[in-house]
Each structure stands twice: as structure tokens, then as C-alpha cells.
Amino acid sequence: MYDALLPIAQDLNTLDATLSAPDGAQRVARIAAAFDETARRISTATQSAADERERLELQKLYRGMIAARRIVLTLHERHSARHNAV
């Protein structure tokens, strides 16, 4: 379910460097796509949850993936705006 996050783990671990990299926009796009794909997989798993508790836990994970995507995109926008203003 989380396989899509493995290729972007290094970029997440060094997010500051990722945002500053010449290919930062492409790397951020890959990060956002990985969070989207992981959220999609979690959503699919939620539909076949064994019980209410599992469904609620999967919903929390889904919201976490969406929030993480939003945070990375917001940081990218702020970083770009700050460097374009200089």
C-alpha cells in the first residue's frame, strides 16, 4: 500500500535540499503524485476494511496522505515565491 512512497523517501528526508534543487519542481511533483497514489490505495483498502476500527484507522491514514501532499506543495510554493522575490 505504501510502495509509491519508497522512491521519494530520500527527497522527503532532505526536503529543504529538494525544494532548492534545480529540478525541485519535478521532484515535488513526484512527491505529490506518490502521496496521491498512496491515498488512492488506502481509500481502496478502506472499502474492504474488516471492521469499523480498521476503517477509521485507514481514514486517518488517508487524511494524513492528503495533508502531507498539501504541506509539501505549500512549502514548494512558499520557497518558489521567496526565491523569485529575491
C-alpha atoms as a PDB file:
ATOM      1  CA  MET A   1       0.000   0.000   0.000  1.00  0.00           C
ATOM      2  CA  TYR A   2       2.916   2.350   0.698  1.00  0.00           C
ATOM      3  CA  ASP A   3       5.185   1.268  -2.169  1.00  0.00           C
ATOM      4  CA  ALA A   4       4.686   4.575  -4.000  1.00  0.00           C
ATOM      5  CA  LEU A   5       6.458   6.393  -1.149  1.00  0.00           C
ATOM      6  CA  LEU A   6       9.694   4.408  -1.359  1.00  0.00           C
ATOM      7  CA  PRO A   7      11.147   6.161  -4.451  1.00  0.00           C
ATOM      8  CA  ILE A   8      10.569   9.610  -2.938  1.00  0.00           C
ATOM      9  CA  ALA A   9      11.789   8.846   0.593  1.00  0.00           C
ATOM     10  CA  GLN A  10      15.200  10.455   0.076  1.00  0.00           C
ATOM     11  CA  ASP A  11      13.636  13.635  -1.344  1.00  0.00           C
ATOM     12  CA  LEU A  12      11.345  13.803   1.696  1.00  0.00           C
ATOM     13  CA  ASN A  13      14.214  13.213   4.119  1.00  0.00           C
ATOM     14  CA  THR A  14      16.088  16.141   2.567  1.00  0.00           C
ATOM     15  CA  LEU A  15      13.072  18.265   1.683  1.00  0.00           C
ATOM     16  CA  ASP A  16      14.927  21.563   2.062  1.00  0.00           C
ATOM     17  CA  ALA A  17      17.506  20.442  -0.499  1.00  0.00           C
ATOM     18  CA  THR A  18      14.758  19.055  -2.724  1.00  0.00           C
ATOM     19  CA  LEU A  19      12.955  22.403  -2.731  1.00  0.00           C
ATOM     20  CA  SER A  20      16.187  24.231  -3.595  1.00  0.00           C
ATOM     21  CA  ALA A  21      17.324  21.824  -6.299  1.00  0.00           C
ATOM     22  CA  PRO A  22      17.272  22.941  -9.952  1.00  0.00           C
ATOM     23  CA  ASP A  23      14.812  20.119 -10.660  1.00  0.00           C
ATOM     24  CA  GLY A  24      12.880  20.811  -7.449  1.00  0.00           C
ATOM     25  CA  ALA A  25       9.552  21.384  -9.197  1.00  0.00           C
ATOM     26  CA  GLN A  26       9.715  17.980 -10.888  1.00  0.00           C
ATOM     27  CA  ARG A  27      10.754  16.293  -7.666  1.00  0.00           C
ATOM     28  CA  VAL A  28       7.912  17.964  -5.754  1.00  0.00           C
ATOM     29  CA  ALA A  29       5.508  16.814  -8.486  1.00  0.00           C
ATOM     30  CA  ARG A  30       6.749  13.227  -7.985  1.00  0.00           C
ATOM     31  CA  ILE A  31       6.285  13.569  -4.220  1.00  0.00           C
ATOM     32  CA  ALA A  32       2.723  14.862  -4.669  1.00  0.00           C
ATOM     33  CA  ALA A  33       1.943  12.041  -7.112  1.00  0.00           C
ATOM     34  CA  ALA A  34       3.293   9.468  -4.638  1.00  0.00           C
ATOM     35  CA  PHE A  35       1.086  10.840  -1.865  1.00  0.00           C
ATOM     36  CA  ASP A  36      -1.893  10.803  -4.271  1.00  0.00           C
ATOM     37  CA  GLU A  37      -1.229   7.194  -5.258  1.00  0.00           C
ATOM     38  CA  THR A  38      -0.804   6.124  -1.641  1.00  0.00           C
ATOM     39  CA  ALA A  39      -4.034   7.895  -0.676  1.00  0.00           C
ATOM     40  CA  ARG A  40      -5.812   6.119  -3.550  1.00  0.00           C
ATOM     41  CA  ARG A  41      -4.535   2.745  -2.346  1.00  0.00           C
ATOM     42  CA  ILE A  42      -5.576   3.492   1.225  1.00  0.00           C
ATOM     43  CA  SER A  43      -9.027   4.525   0.000  1.00  0.00           C
ATOM     44  CA  THR A  44      -9.350   1.225  -1.844  1.00  0.00           C
ATOM     45  CA  ALA A  45      -8.272  -0.671   1.277  1.00  0.00           C
ATOM     46  CA  THR A  46     -10.810   1.274   3.347  1.00  0.00           C
ATOM     47  CA  GLN A  47     -13.621  -0.120   1.214  1.00  0.00           C
ATOM     48  CA  SER A  48     -12.675  -3.656   2.221  1.00  0.00           C
ATOM     49  CA  ALA A  49     -11.860  -2.961   5.882  1.00  0.00           C
ATOM     50  CA  ALA A  50     -12.605  -5.860   8.202  1.00  0.00           C
ATOM     51  CA  ASP A  51     -14.388  -3.727  10.792  1.00  0.00           C
ATOM     52  CA  GLU A  52     -15.237  -0.185  11.844  1.00  0.00           C
ATOM     53  CA  ARG A  53     -11.993   0.296  13.790  1.00  0.00           C
ATOM     54  CA  GLU A  54      -9.862  -0.643  10.792  1.00  0.00           C
ATOM     55  CA  ARG A  55     -11.947   1.593   8.544  1.00  0.00           C
ATOM     56  CA  LEU A  56     -11.460   4.551  10.902  1.00  0.00           C
ATOM     57  CA  GLU A  57      -7.695   3.945  11.097  1.00  0.00           C
ATOM     58  CA  LEU A  58      -7.435   3.780   7.306  1.00  0.00           C
ATOM     59  CA  GLN A  59      -9.434   7.001   7.007  1.00  0.00           C
ATOM     60  CA  LYS A  60      -6.914   8.698   9.318  1.00  0.00           C
ATOM     61  CA  LEU A  61      -4.061   7.464   7.137  1.00  0.00           C
ATOM     62  CA  TYR A  62      -5.866   8.702   4.027  1.00  0.00           C
ATOM     63  CA  ARG A  63      -6.315  12.176   5.522  1.00  0.00           C
ATOM     64  CA  GLY A  64      -2.663  12.139   6.570  1.00  0.00           C
ATOM     65  CA  MET A  65      -1.527  11.450   2.998  1.00  0.00           C
ATOM     66  CA  ILE A  66      -3.696  14.264   1.663  1.00  0.00           C
ATOM     67  CA  ALA A  67      -2.377  16.627   4.349  1.00  0.00           C
ATOM     68  CA  ALA A  68       1.243  15.645   3.660  1.00  0.00           C
ATOM     69  CA  ARG A  69       0.740  16.327  -0.051  1.00  0.00           C
ATOM     70  CA  ARG A  70      -0.756  19.720   0.730  1.00  0.00           C
ATOM     71  CA  ILE A  71       2.096  20.607   3.102  1.00  0.00           C
ATOM     72  CA  VAL A  72       4.795  19.735   0.558  1.00  0.00           C
ATOM     73  CA  LEU A  73       3.030  21.722  -2.173  1.00  0.00           C
ATOM     74  CA  THR A  74       2.594  24.718   0.144  1.00  0.00           C
ATOM     75  CA  LEU A  75       6.262  24.624   1.141  1.00  0.00           C
ATOM     76  CA  HIS A  76       7.220  24.452  -2.530  1.00  0.00           C
ATOM     77  CA  GLU A  77       5.018  27.466  -3.361  1.00  0.00           C
ATOM     78  CA  ARG A  78       6.471  29.496  -0.480  1.00  0.00           C
ATOM     79  CA  HIS A  79      10.025  28.514  -1.367  1.00  0.00           C
ATOM     80  CA  SER A  80       9.462  29.476  -5.014  1.00  0.00           C
ATOM     81  CA  ALA A  81       7.848  32.785  -4.072  1.00  0.00           C
ATOM     82  CA  ARG A  82      10.674  33.638  -1.682  1.00  0.00           C
ATOM     83  CA  HIS A  83      13.363  32.910  -4.273  1.00  0.00           C
ATOM     84  CA  ASN A  84      11.515  34.678  -7.090  1.00  0.00           C
ATOM     85  CA  ALA A  85      11.153  37.795  -4.922  1.00  0.00           C
ATOM     86  CA  VAL A  86      14.898  37.995  -4.273  1.00  0.00           C
END
